[in-house]
N, C-alpha and C. Protein backbone atom coordinates (compact mmCIF):
# COMPACT_ATOMS: atom_id res chain seq x y z
N MET A 1 0.84 -1.17 0.00
CA MET A 1 0.00 0.00 0.00
C MET A 1 0.89 1.24 0.00
N THR A 2 0.68 2.13 -0.93
CA THR A 2 1.42 3.40 -0.95
C THR A 2 0.50 4.49 -0.43
N TRP A 3 1.08 5.38 0.37
CA TRP A 3 0.30 6.47 0.92
C TRP A 3 1.17 7.70 1.13
N LEU A 4 0.51 8.81 1.36
CA LEU A 4 1.15 10.10 1.56
C LEU A 4 0.74 10.66 2.91
N LEU A 5 1.71 11.08 3.71
CA LEU A 5 1.45 11.75 4.98
C LEU A 5 1.60 13.24 4.73
N ARG A 6 0.56 14.02 5.08
CA ARG A 6 0.60 15.46 4.83
C ARG A 6 -0.15 16.21 5.92
N GLN A 7 0.05 17.53 5.96
CA GLN A 7 -0.72 18.37 6.88
C GLN A 7 -2.18 18.35 6.47
N ALA A 8 -3.05 18.29 7.45
CA ALA A 8 -4.49 18.37 7.18
C ALA A 8 -4.85 19.82 6.84
N THR A 9 -5.89 19.97 6.04
CA THR A 9 -6.39 21.29 5.67
C THR A 9 -7.87 21.38 6.04
N PRO A 10 -8.42 22.58 6.07
CA PRO A 10 -9.85 22.71 6.35
C PRO A 10 -10.73 21.90 5.39
N ALA A 11 -10.28 21.69 4.19
CA ALA A 11 -11.05 20.90 3.21
C ALA A 11 -11.17 19.43 3.63
N ASP A 12 -10.31 18.97 4.54
CA ASP A 12 -10.34 17.59 5.01
C ASP A 12 -11.32 17.35 6.16
N CYS A 13 -11.86 18.39 6.76
CA CYS A 13 -12.61 18.27 8.01
C CYS A 13 -13.75 17.25 7.96
N ALA A 14 -14.59 17.30 6.97
CA ALA A 14 -15.73 16.37 6.92
C ALA A 14 -15.24 14.93 6.81
N GLU A 15 -14.22 14.70 5.98
CA GLU A 15 -13.71 13.34 5.82
C GLU A 15 -13.01 12.86 7.10
N ILE A 16 -12.35 13.78 7.82
CA ILE A 16 -11.71 13.41 9.09
C ILE A 16 -12.78 12.99 10.09
N GLN A 17 -13.86 13.74 10.18
CA GLN A 17 -14.94 13.39 11.12
C GLN A 17 -15.50 12.00 10.80
N GLU A 18 -15.68 11.71 9.51
CA GLU A 18 -16.16 10.38 9.11
C GLU A 18 -15.15 9.30 9.47
N LEU A 19 -13.87 9.57 9.26
CA LEU A 19 -12.81 8.63 9.60
C LEU A 19 -12.79 8.35 11.10
N ILE A 20 -12.91 9.39 11.91
CA ILE A 20 -12.90 9.22 13.36
C ILE A 20 -14.03 8.28 13.78
N ALA A 21 -15.22 8.53 13.30
CA ALA A 21 -16.37 7.70 13.67
C ALA A 21 -16.20 6.26 13.18
N ARG A 22 -15.76 6.10 11.94
CA ARG A 22 -15.55 4.75 11.38
C ARG A 22 -14.49 3.99 12.17
N SER A 23 -13.42 4.68 12.52
CA SER A 23 -12.31 4.06 13.24
C SER A 23 -12.73 3.58 14.63
N ILE A 24 -13.31 4.48 15.42
CA ILE A 24 -13.61 4.10 16.80
C ILE A 24 -14.76 3.11 16.87
N ARG A 25 -15.70 3.18 15.95
CA ARG A 25 -16.80 2.21 15.97
C ARG A 25 -16.30 0.80 15.68
N ALA A 26 -15.30 0.67 14.82
CA ALA A 26 -14.77 -0.66 14.49
C ALA A 26 -13.64 -1.07 15.44
N LEU A 27 -12.63 -0.23 15.56
CA LEU A 27 -11.45 -0.60 16.34
C LEU A 27 -11.66 -0.46 17.84
N GLY A 28 -12.64 0.31 18.25
CA GLY A 28 -12.92 0.47 19.67
C GLY A 28 -13.94 -0.50 20.22
N ALA A 29 -14.57 -1.28 19.34
CA ALA A 29 -15.67 -2.16 19.75
C ALA A 29 -15.25 -3.24 20.75
N GLU A 30 -13.99 -3.64 20.74
CA GLU A 30 -13.52 -4.64 21.71
C GLU A 30 -13.36 -4.06 23.11
N ASP A 31 -13.12 -2.76 23.19
CA ASP A 31 -12.82 -2.11 24.47
C ASP A 31 -13.97 -1.27 25.03
N TYR A 32 -14.86 -0.81 24.18
CA TYR A 32 -15.93 0.09 24.59
C TYR A 32 -17.28 -0.41 24.12
N SER A 33 -18.32 -0.08 24.88
CA SER A 33 -19.68 -0.39 24.46
C SER A 33 -20.14 0.62 23.41
N ALA A 34 -21.21 0.28 22.71
CA ALA A 34 -21.77 1.20 21.70
C ALA A 34 -22.19 2.51 22.37
N ASP A 35 -22.76 2.46 23.57
CA ASP A 35 -23.15 3.68 24.28
C ASP A 35 -21.94 4.56 24.60
N GLN A 36 -20.85 3.94 25.00
CA GLN A 36 -19.63 4.71 25.29
C GLN A 36 -19.10 5.37 24.02
N ILE A 37 -19.06 4.62 22.94
CA ILE A 37 -18.53 5.16 21.68
C ILE A 37 -19.40 6.30 21.19
N GLU A 38 -20.70 6.10 21.14
CA GLU A 38 -21.59 7.14 20.61
C GLU A 38 -21.56 8.37 21.51
N GLY A 39 -21.48 8.18 22.83
CA GLY A 39 -21.37 9.31 23.73
C GLY A 39 -20.07 10.08 23.52
N ALA A 40 -18.98 9.34 23.37
CA ALA A 40 -17.67 9.98 23.18
C ALA A 40 -17.59 10.72 21.85
N LEU A 41 -18.32 10.26 20.84
CA LEU A 41 -18.32 10.94 19.55
C LEU A 41 -19.00 12.31 19.62
N GLN A 42 -19.65 12.61 20.74
CA GLN A 42 -20.30 13.91 20.91
C GLN A 42 -19.35 14.97 21.47
N GLY A 43 -18.09 14.64 21.69
CA GLY A 43 -17.15 15.64 22.20
C GLY A 43 -15.79 15.12 22.57
N ALA A 44 -15.73 13.98 23.26
CA ALA A 44 -14.43 13.45 23.67
C ALA A 44 -13.62 12.99 22.46
N PHE A 45 -14.30 12.38 21.48
CA PHE A 45 -13.67 12.01 20.21
C PHE A 45 -14.17 13.02 19.18
N GLY A 46 -13.29 13.46 18.35
CA GLY A 46 -13.71 14.40 17.31
C GLY A 46 -12.56 15.29 16.91
N LEU A 47 -12.78 16.03 15.88
CA LEU A 47 -11.76 16.92 15.34
C LEU A 47 -11.72 18.23 16.12
N ASP A 48 -10.53 18.62 16.53
CA ASP A 48 -10.29 19.93 17.11
C ASP A 48 -9.70 20.76 15.98
N SER A 49 -10.52 21.62 15.39
CA SER A 49 -10.08 22.38 14.22
C SER A 49 -8.93 23.34 14.53
N GLN A 50 -8.69 23.63 15.81
CA GLN A 50 -7.54 24.46 16.18
C GLN A 50 -6.24 23.80 15.74
N LEU A 51 -6.19 22.47 15.78
CA LEU A 51 -4.98 21.75 15.36
C LEU A 51 -4.70 21.98 13.87
N ILE A 52 -5.76 21.98 13.06
CA ILE A 52 -5.59 22.24 11.63
C ILE A 52 -5.13 23.68 11.42
N ALA A 53 -5.76 24.61 12.12
CA ALA A 53 -5.36 26.02 12.00
C ALA A 53 -3.91 26.23 12.42
N ASP A 54 -3.45 25.46 13.41
CA ASP A 54 -2.07 25.58 13.89
C ASP A 54 -1.07 24.85 13.00
N GLY A 55 -1.55 24.03 12.06
CA GLY A 55 -0.65 23.26 11.19
C GLY A 55 -0.03 22.07 11.89
N THR A 56 -0.68 21.56 12.96
CA THR A 56 -0.11 20.46 13.73
C THR A 56 -0.94 19.18 13.64
N TYR A 57 -1.83 19.11 12.66
CA TYR A 57 -2.65 17.92 12.47
C TYR A 57 -2.35 17.35 11.10
N PHE A 58 -2.24 16.02 11.04
CA PHE A 58 -1.80 15.35 9.83
C PHE A 58 -2.78 14.27 9.40
N VAL A 59 -2.76 13.98 8.12
CA VAL A 59 -3.55 12.88 7.58
C VAL A 59 -2.65 12.02 6.71
N VAL A 60 -3.03 10.76 6.60
CA VAL A 60 -2.40 9.85 5.65
C VAL A 60 -3.48 9.52 4.64
N GLU A 61 -3.14 9.64 3.36
CA GLU A 61 -4.12 9.33 2.33
C GLU A 61 -3.51 8.41 1.27
N SER A 62 -4.40 7.66 0.66
CA SER A 62 -4.02 6.77 -0.43
C SER A 62 -5.15 6.80 -1.45
N ASP A 63 -4.82 7.05 -2.68
CA ASP A 63 -5.82 7.10 -3.75
C ASP A 63 -6.99 8.01 -3.39
N GLY A 64 -6.70 9.16 -2.77
CA GLY A 64 -7.72 10.13 -2.44
C GLY A 64 -8.57 9.81 -1.23
N GLN A 65 -8.26 8.72 -0.51
CA GLN A 65 -9.04 8.36 0.68
C GLN A 65 -8.16 8.48 1.91
N LEU A 66 -8.72 9.06 2.98
CA LEU A 66 -7.97 9.18 4.22
C LEU A 66 -7.89 7.83 4.94
N LEU A 67 -6.68 7.47 5.32
CA LEU A 67 -6.44 6.21 6.03
C LEU A 67 -6.16 6.43 7.51
N GLY A 68 -5.77 7.64 7.87
CA GLY A 68 -5.44 7.92 9.26
C GLY A 68 -5.31 9.40 9.49
N CYS A 69 -5.41 9.78 10.77
CA CYS A 69 -5.25 11.18 11.14
C CYS A 69 -4.71 11.24 12.57
N GLY A 70 -4.06 12.33 12.88
CA GLY A 70 -3.55 12.53 14.22
C GLY A 70 -2.68 13.76 14.25
N GLY A 71 -2.42 14.25 15.45
CA GLY A 71 -1.62 15.46 15.53
C GLY A 71 -0.98 15.66 16.89
N TRP A 72 -0.40 16.81 17.03
CA TRP A 72 0.22 17.21 18.29
C TRP A 72 -0.16 18.67 18.51
N SER A 73 0.03 19.15 19.72
CA SER A 73 -0.35 20.52 19.99
C SER A 73 0.58 21.18 20.99
N TYR A 74 0.73 22.47 20.82
CA TYR A 74 1.45 23.31 21.77
C TYR A 74 0.46 24.10 22.61
N ARG A 75 -0.80 23.67 22.60
CA ARG A 75 -1.85 24.30 23.39
C ARG A 75 -2.22 23.40 24.57
N ARG A 76 -2.91 23.95 25.55
CA ARG A 76 -3.19 23.26 26.80
C ARG A 76 -4.20 22.12 26.69
N THR A 77 -5.13 22.17 25.76
CA THR A 77 -6.15 21.13 25.67
C THR A 77 -5.50 19.78 25.44
N LEU A 78 -5.89 18.79 26.25
CA LEU A 78 -5.29 17.46 26.17
C LEU A 78 -6.04 16.55 25.20
N PHE A 79 -7.36 16.69 25.11
CA PHE A 79 -8.13 15.84 24.20
C PHE A 79 -9.48 16.48 23.94
N GLY A 80 -10.18 15.96 22.97
CA GLY A 80 -11.55 16.40 22.67
C GLY A 80 -11.64 17.23 21.41
N GLY A 81 -12.81 17.15 20.80
CA GLY A 81 -13.06 17.86 19.56
C GLY A 81 -13.71 19.21 19.79
N ASP A 82 -14.09 19.85 18.69
CA ASP A 82 -14.69 21.17 18.73
C ASP A 82 -15.93 21.23 19.63
N ALA A 83 -16.65 20.14 19.76
CA ALA A 83 -17.88 20.12 20.55
C ALA A 83 -17.62 20.13 22.06
N ARG A 84 -16.39 19.90 22.46
CA ARG A 84 -16.07 19.87 23.90
C ARG A 84 -15.89 21.30 24.40
N ALA A 85 -16.70 21.71 25.35
CA ALA A 85 -16.77 23.10 25.79
C ALA A 85 -15.56 23.57 26.59
N ASP A 86 -14.85 22.69 27.28
CA ASP A 86 -13.79 23.13 28.19
C ASP A 86 -12.39 23.10 27.59
N ARG A 87 -12.30 23.30 26.28
CA ARG A 87 -10.98 23.35 25.66
C ARG A 87 -10.25 24.63 26.08
N ASP A 88 -8.93 24.58 26.11
CA ASP A 88 -8.10 25.71 26.53
C ASP A 88 -7.05 25.95 25.45
N ALA A 89 -7.18 27.05 24.72
CA ALA A 89 -6.26 27.35 23.62
C ALA A 89 -4.99 28.05 24.09
N GLY A 90 -4.80 28.17 25.40
CA GLY A 90 -3.57 28.77 25.90
C GLY A 90 -2.36 27.97 25.45
N THR A 91 -1.25 28.66 25.25
CA THR A 91 -0.05 27.97 24.75
C THR A 91 0.80 27.43 25.90
N LEU A 92 1.53 26.40 25.56
CA LEU A 92 2.41 25.71 26.51
C LEU A 92 3.81 26.27 26.43
N ASP A 93 4.57 26.09 27.49
CA ASP A 93 5.99 26.46 27.54
C ASP A 93 6.80 25.19 27.28
N PRO A 94 7.47 25.11 26.12
CA PRO A 94 8.22 23.88 25.79
C PRO A 94 9.28 23.51 26.83
N GLY A 95 9.78 24.47 27.57
CA GLY A 95 10.79 24.18 28.58
C GLY A 95 10.22 23.51 29.82
N ASN A 96 8.92 23.69 30.07
CA ASN A 96 8.31 23.15 31.28
C ASN A 96 7.15 22.19 31.03
N ASP A 97 6.47 22.37 29.92
CA ASP A 97 5.27 21.59 29.64
C ASP A 97 5.53 20.51 28.60
N ALA A 98 4.62 19.55 28.57
CA ALA A 98 4.68 18.48 27.58
C ALA A 98 3.81 18.83 26.38
N ALA A 99 4.30 18.54 25.19
CA ALA A 99 3.46 18.67 23.99
C ALA A 99 2.32 17.67 24.12
N LYS A 100 1.20 18.00 23.53
CA LYS A 100 0.03 17.12 23.59
C LYS A 100 -0.09 16.32 22.29
N ILE A 101 -0.18 15.02 22.40
CA ILE A 101 -0.43 14.15 21.25
C ILE A 101 -1.94 13.99 21.18
N ARG A 102 -2.53 14.26 19.99
CA ARG A 102 -3.97 14.43 19.93
C ARG A 102 -4.64 13.67 18.79
N ALA A 103 -5.80 13.13 19.09
CA ALA A 103 -6.81 12.68 18.12
C ALA A 103 -6.27 11.79 17.00
N PHE A 104 -5.72 10.64 17.39
CA PHE A 104 -5.23 9.66 16.42
C PHE A 104 -6.32 8.65 16.11
N PHE A 105 -6.61 8.48 14.84
CA PHE A 105 -7.59 7.50 14.40
C PHE A 105 -7.14 6.93 13.07
N VAL A 106 -7.33 5.62 12.90
CA VAL A 106 -6.91 4.92 11.68
C VAL A 106 -8.09 4.16 11.11
N ASP A 107 -8.22 4.20 9.79
CA ASP A 107 -9.27 3.44 9.13
C ASP A 107 -9.07 1.96 9.46
N PRO A 108 -10.15 1.26 9.81
CA PRO A 108 -10.00 -0.16 10.16
C PRO A 108 -9.31 -0.98 9.08
N ALA A 109 -9.51 -0.65 7.82
CA ALA A 109 -8.87 -1.39 6.72
C ALA A 109 -7.37 -1.15 6.65
N ALA A 110 -6.89 -0.08 7.30
CA ALA A 110 -5.46 0.24 7.27
C ALA A 110 -4.79 0.00 8.62
N ALA A 111 -5.52 -0.57 9.57
CA ALA A 111 -4.97 -0.79 10.90
C ALA A 111 -3.77 -1.73 10.86
N ARG A 112 -2.81 -1.45 11.72
CA ARG A 112 -1.60 -2.25 11.89
C ARG A 112 -0.75 -2.35 10.61
N ARG A 113 -0.75 -1.27 9.86
CA ARG A 113 0.08 -1.20 8.65
C ARG A 113 1.07 -0.04 8.70
N GLY A 114 1.26 0.53 9.88
CA GLY A 114 2.26 1.60 10.05
C GLY A 114 1.73 3.01 9.91
N VAL A 115 0.45 3.17 9.64
CA VAL A 115 -0.12 4.51 9.45
C VAL A 115 -0.03 5.32 10.74
N GLY A 116 -0.53 4.77 11.85
CA GLY A 116 -0.48 5.47 13.14
C GLY A 116 0.94 5.75 13.58
N SER A 117 1.83 4.79 13.40
CA SER A 117 3.23 4.99 13.78
C SER A 117 3.88 6.11 12.97
N ALA A 118 3.58 6.17 11.69
CA ALA A 118 4.15 7.22 10.84
C ALA A 118 3.69 8.60 11.29
N ILE A 119 2.41 8.72 11.60
CA ILE A 119 1.89 10.01 12.07
C ILE A 119 2.51 10.36 13.41
N LEU A 120 2.62 9.39 14.31
CA LEU A 120 3.20 9.63 15.62
C LEU A 120 4.66 10.09 15.51
N GLU A 121 5.43 9.45 14.65
CA GLU A 121 6.83 9.86 14.45
C GLU A 121 6.90 11.30 13.97
N ARG A 122 6.03 11.67 13.04
CA ARG A 122 6.01 13.04 12.53
C ARG A 122 5.66 14.02 13.64
N CYS A 123 4.68 13.68 14.47
CA CYS A 123 4.28 14.56 15.57
C CYS A 123 5.41 14.74 16.58
N GLU A 124 6.07 13.65 16.94
CA GLU A 124 7.17 13.74 17.90
C GLU A 124 8.31 14.58 17.32
N GLU A 125 8.60 14.37 16.05
CA GLU A 125 9.65 15.14 15.38
C GLU A 125 9.32 16.63 15.40
N GLU A 126 8.09 16.99 15.08
CA GLU A 126 7.66 18.39 15.06
C GLU A 126 7.71 18.98 16.47
N ALA A 127 7.25 18.24 17.46
CA ALA A 127 7.27 18.73 18.85
C ALA A 127 8.71 18.99 19.29
N ARG A 128 9.62 18.07 18.98
CA ARG A 128 11.03 18.27 19.31
C ARG A 128 11.56 19.53 18.64
N ARG A 129 11.22 19.70 17.38
CA ARG A 129 11.68 20.86 16.62
C ARG A 129 11.21 22.17 17.26
N HIS A 130 10.08 22.11 17.95
CA HIS A 130 9.54 23.29 18.62
C HIS A 130 10.02 23.39 20.08
N GLY A 131 10.99 22.55 20.46
CA GLY A 131 11.62 22.66 21.76
C GLY A 131 11.03 21.81 22.87
N PHE A 132 10.02 20.99 22.57
CA PHE A 132 9.42 20.15 23.60
C PHE A 132 10.31 18.95 23.89
N ARG A 133 10.44 18.64 25.18
CA ARG A 133 11.25 17.50 25.61
C ARG A 133 10.40 16.32 26.07
N ARG A 134 9.11 16.58 26.23
CA ARG A 134 8.18 15.52 26.65
C ARG A 134 6.90 15.63 25.84
N ALA A 135 6.19 14.50 25.77
CA ALA A 135 4.87 14.48 25.15
C ALA A 135 3.93 13.72 26.07
N GLU A 136 2.67 14.11 26.05
CA GLU A 136 1.66 13.40 26.84
C GLU A 136 0.37 13.32 26.04
N MET A 137 -0.48 12.41 26.47
CA MET A 137 -1.75 12.22 25.77
C MET A 137 -2.76 11.61 26.71
N MET A 138 -4.00 11.61 26.26
CA MET A 138 -5.07 10.87 26.91
C MET A 138 -5.46 9.81 25.89
N ALA A 139 -4.93 8.61 26.05
CA ALA A 139 -5.08 7.54 25.06
C ALA A 139 -6.40 6.79 25.23
N THR A 140 -6.94 6.36 24.11
CA THR A 140 -8.05 5.42 24.13
C THR A 140 -7.48 4.05 24.49
N LEU A 141 -8.34 3.15 24.90
CA LEU A 141 -7.85 1.79 25.21
C LEU A 141 -7.27 1.11 23.98
N PRO A 142 -7.90 1.19 22.79
CA PRO A 142 -7.25 0.56 21.62
C PRO A 142 -5.95 1.26 21.23
N GLY A 143 -5.87 2.57 21.42
CA GLY A 143 -4.66 3.31 21.08
C GLY A 143 -3.50 3.02 22.02
N LYS A 144 -3.80 2.66 23.25
CA LYS A 144 -2.77 2.38 24.26
C LYS A 144 -1.75 1.37 23.76
N ARG A 145 -2.20 0.38 23.04
CA ARG A 145 -1.28 -0.65 22.55
C ARG A 145 -0.22 -0.06 21.61
N LEU A 146 -0.64 0.81 20.70
CA LEU A 146 0.31 1.47 19.79
C LEU A 146 1.28 2.33 20.59
N TYR A 147 0.75 3.15 21.49
CA TYR A 147 1.61 4.09 22.20
C TYR A 147 2.61 3.39 23.11
N GLU A 148 2.19 2.31 23.76
CA GLU A 148 3.15 1.55 24.58
C GLU A 148 4.26 0.99 23.72
N ALA A 149 3.92 0.48 22.55
CA ALA A 149 4.93 -0.06 21.64
C ALA A 149 5.90 1.03 21.17
N ARG A 150 5.47 2.29 21.22
CA ARG A 150 6.30 3.41 20.78
C ARG A 150 6.95 4.14 21.96
N GLY A 151 6.94 3.51 23.15
CA GLY A 151 7.68 4.05 24.27
C GLY A 151 6.91 4.92 25.25
N TYR A 152 5.61 5.04 25.10
CA TYR A 152 4.81 5.84 26.04
C TYR A 152 4.52 5.00 27.28
N VAL A 153 4.53 5.66 28.42
CA VAL A 153 4.32 5.00 29.71
C VAL A 153 2.90 5.33 30.19
N PRO A 154 2.12 4.28 30.48
CA PRO A 154 0.74 4.53 30.93
C PRO A 154 0.69 4.88 32.42
N GLU A 155 -0.33 5.65 32.76
CA GLU A 155 -0.64 5.94 34.16
C GLU A 155 -1.95 5.24 34.48
N GLU A 156 -2.50 5.52 35.63
CA GLU A 156 -3.76 4.90 36.05
C GLU A 156 -4.91 5.39 35.15
N ARG A 157 -5.75 4.47 34.75
CA ARG A 157 -6.89 4.79 33.89
C ARG A 157 -7.82 5.80 34.57
N VAL A 158 -8.44 6.64 33.74
CA VAL A 158 -9.41 7.60 34.24
C VAL A 158 -10.75 7.36 33.55
N HIS A 159 -11.81 7.76 34.21
CA HIS A 159 -13.16 7.64 33.66
C HIS A 159 -13.67 9.04 33.33
N TYR A 160 -14.09 9.22 32.09
CA TYR A 160 -14.56 10.52 31.63
C TYR A 160 -16.04 10.39 31.26
N PRO A 161 -16.90 11.29 31.78
CA PRO A 161 -18.32 11.19 31.46
C PRO A 161 -18.60 11.56 30.01
N VAL A 162 -19.42 10.73 29.34
CA VAL A 162 -19.78 10.98 27.94
C VAL A 162 -21.28 10.99 27.71
N GLY A 163 -22.03 10.90 28.77
CA GLY A 163 -23.49 10.93 28.69
C GLY A 163 -24.08 10.62 30.04
N PRO A 164 -25.38 10.75 30.17
CA PRO A 164 -26.02 10.46 31.45
C PRO A 164 -25.74 9.02 31.90
N GLY A 165 -25.00 8.89 32.99
CA GLY A 165 -24.67 7.59 33.53
C GLY A 165 -23.67 6.78 32.73
N VAL A 166 -23.03 7.40 31.76
CA VAL A 166 -22.07 6.69 30.89
C VAL A 166 -20.71 7.37 30.99
N THR A 167 -19.67 6.57 31.27
CA THR A 167 -18.30 7.07 31.25
C THR A 167 -17.49 6.21 30.29
N ILE A 168 -16.36 6.75 29.90
CA ILE A 168 -15.44 6.01 29.03
C ILE A 168 -14.06 6.04 29.68
N GLU A 169 -13.32 4.96 29.54
CA GLU A 169 -11.98 4.89 30.12
C GLU A 169 -10.94 5.41 29.13
N PHE A 170 -10.06 6.23 29.67
CA PHE A 170 -8.90 6.71 28.95
C PHE A 170 -7.66 6.38 29.78
N VAL A 171 -6.50 6.42 29.12
CA VAL A 171 -5.24 6.15 29.81
C VAL A 171 -4.29 7.33 29.57
N PRO A 172 -4.02 8.11 30.62
CA PRO A 172 -2.99 9.14 30.46
C PRO A 172 -1.64 8.46 30.21
N MET A 173 -0.89 8.98 29.24
CA MET A 173 0.40 8.38 28.88
C MET A 173 1.39 9.51 28.60
N SER A 174 2.66 9.21 28.79
CA SER A 174 3.69 10.22 28.52
C SER A 174 4.97 9.56 28.03
N LYS A 175 5.80 10.39 27.44
CA LYS A 175 7.08 9.91 26.89
C LYS A 175 8.10 11.04 26.93
N ASN A 176 9.33 10.69 27.24
CA ASN A 176 10.44 11.62 27.15
C ASN A 176 10.86 11.68 25.68
N LEU A 177 10.92 12.88 25.12
CA LEU A 177 11.27 13.02 23.70
C LEU A 177 12.75 13.27 23.46
N THR A 178 13.53 13.40 24.53
CA THR A 178 14.97 13.62 24.32
C THR A 178 15.60 12.30 23.91
N ARG A 179 16.57 12.40 23.05
CA ARG A 179 17.18 11.18 22.51
C ARG A 179 18.36 10.73 23.27
């Protein structure tokens, strides 16, 4: 499979939203219930268009179809899409704060083919270039496997509310980016 990794643009937004939903509904089904997934798609999972505006969100495409997406951020928000009300666009201090790894999703047909790893490598490289020495994220349970394989250290799982009486588990993870 040949593909291209590039910066996401505003023209990609609708296709990214479709990719996110398709990815988590298929790849998250082993770890999350349908209620958890659908609730999380209302804000916890989704596109944060600030990442596209900042030039820190990437897509992988092949033959005009998106196979994966993900990014990093120099802003305070750790996770969540545009629908999440408590986002914080304040900037981080690379000398003291960790870059945020954000919103990674892969098309189920392209899973375990290096798409997520390629995007993650690009994000870490960009964060280092901007002076960050650490990266952190709020990983999904299916994503945790990729991030652990790439050197991220998990912390204790957290439960995030996604609807009335419904929570979803996430795993805070971090990695030292110095070589």
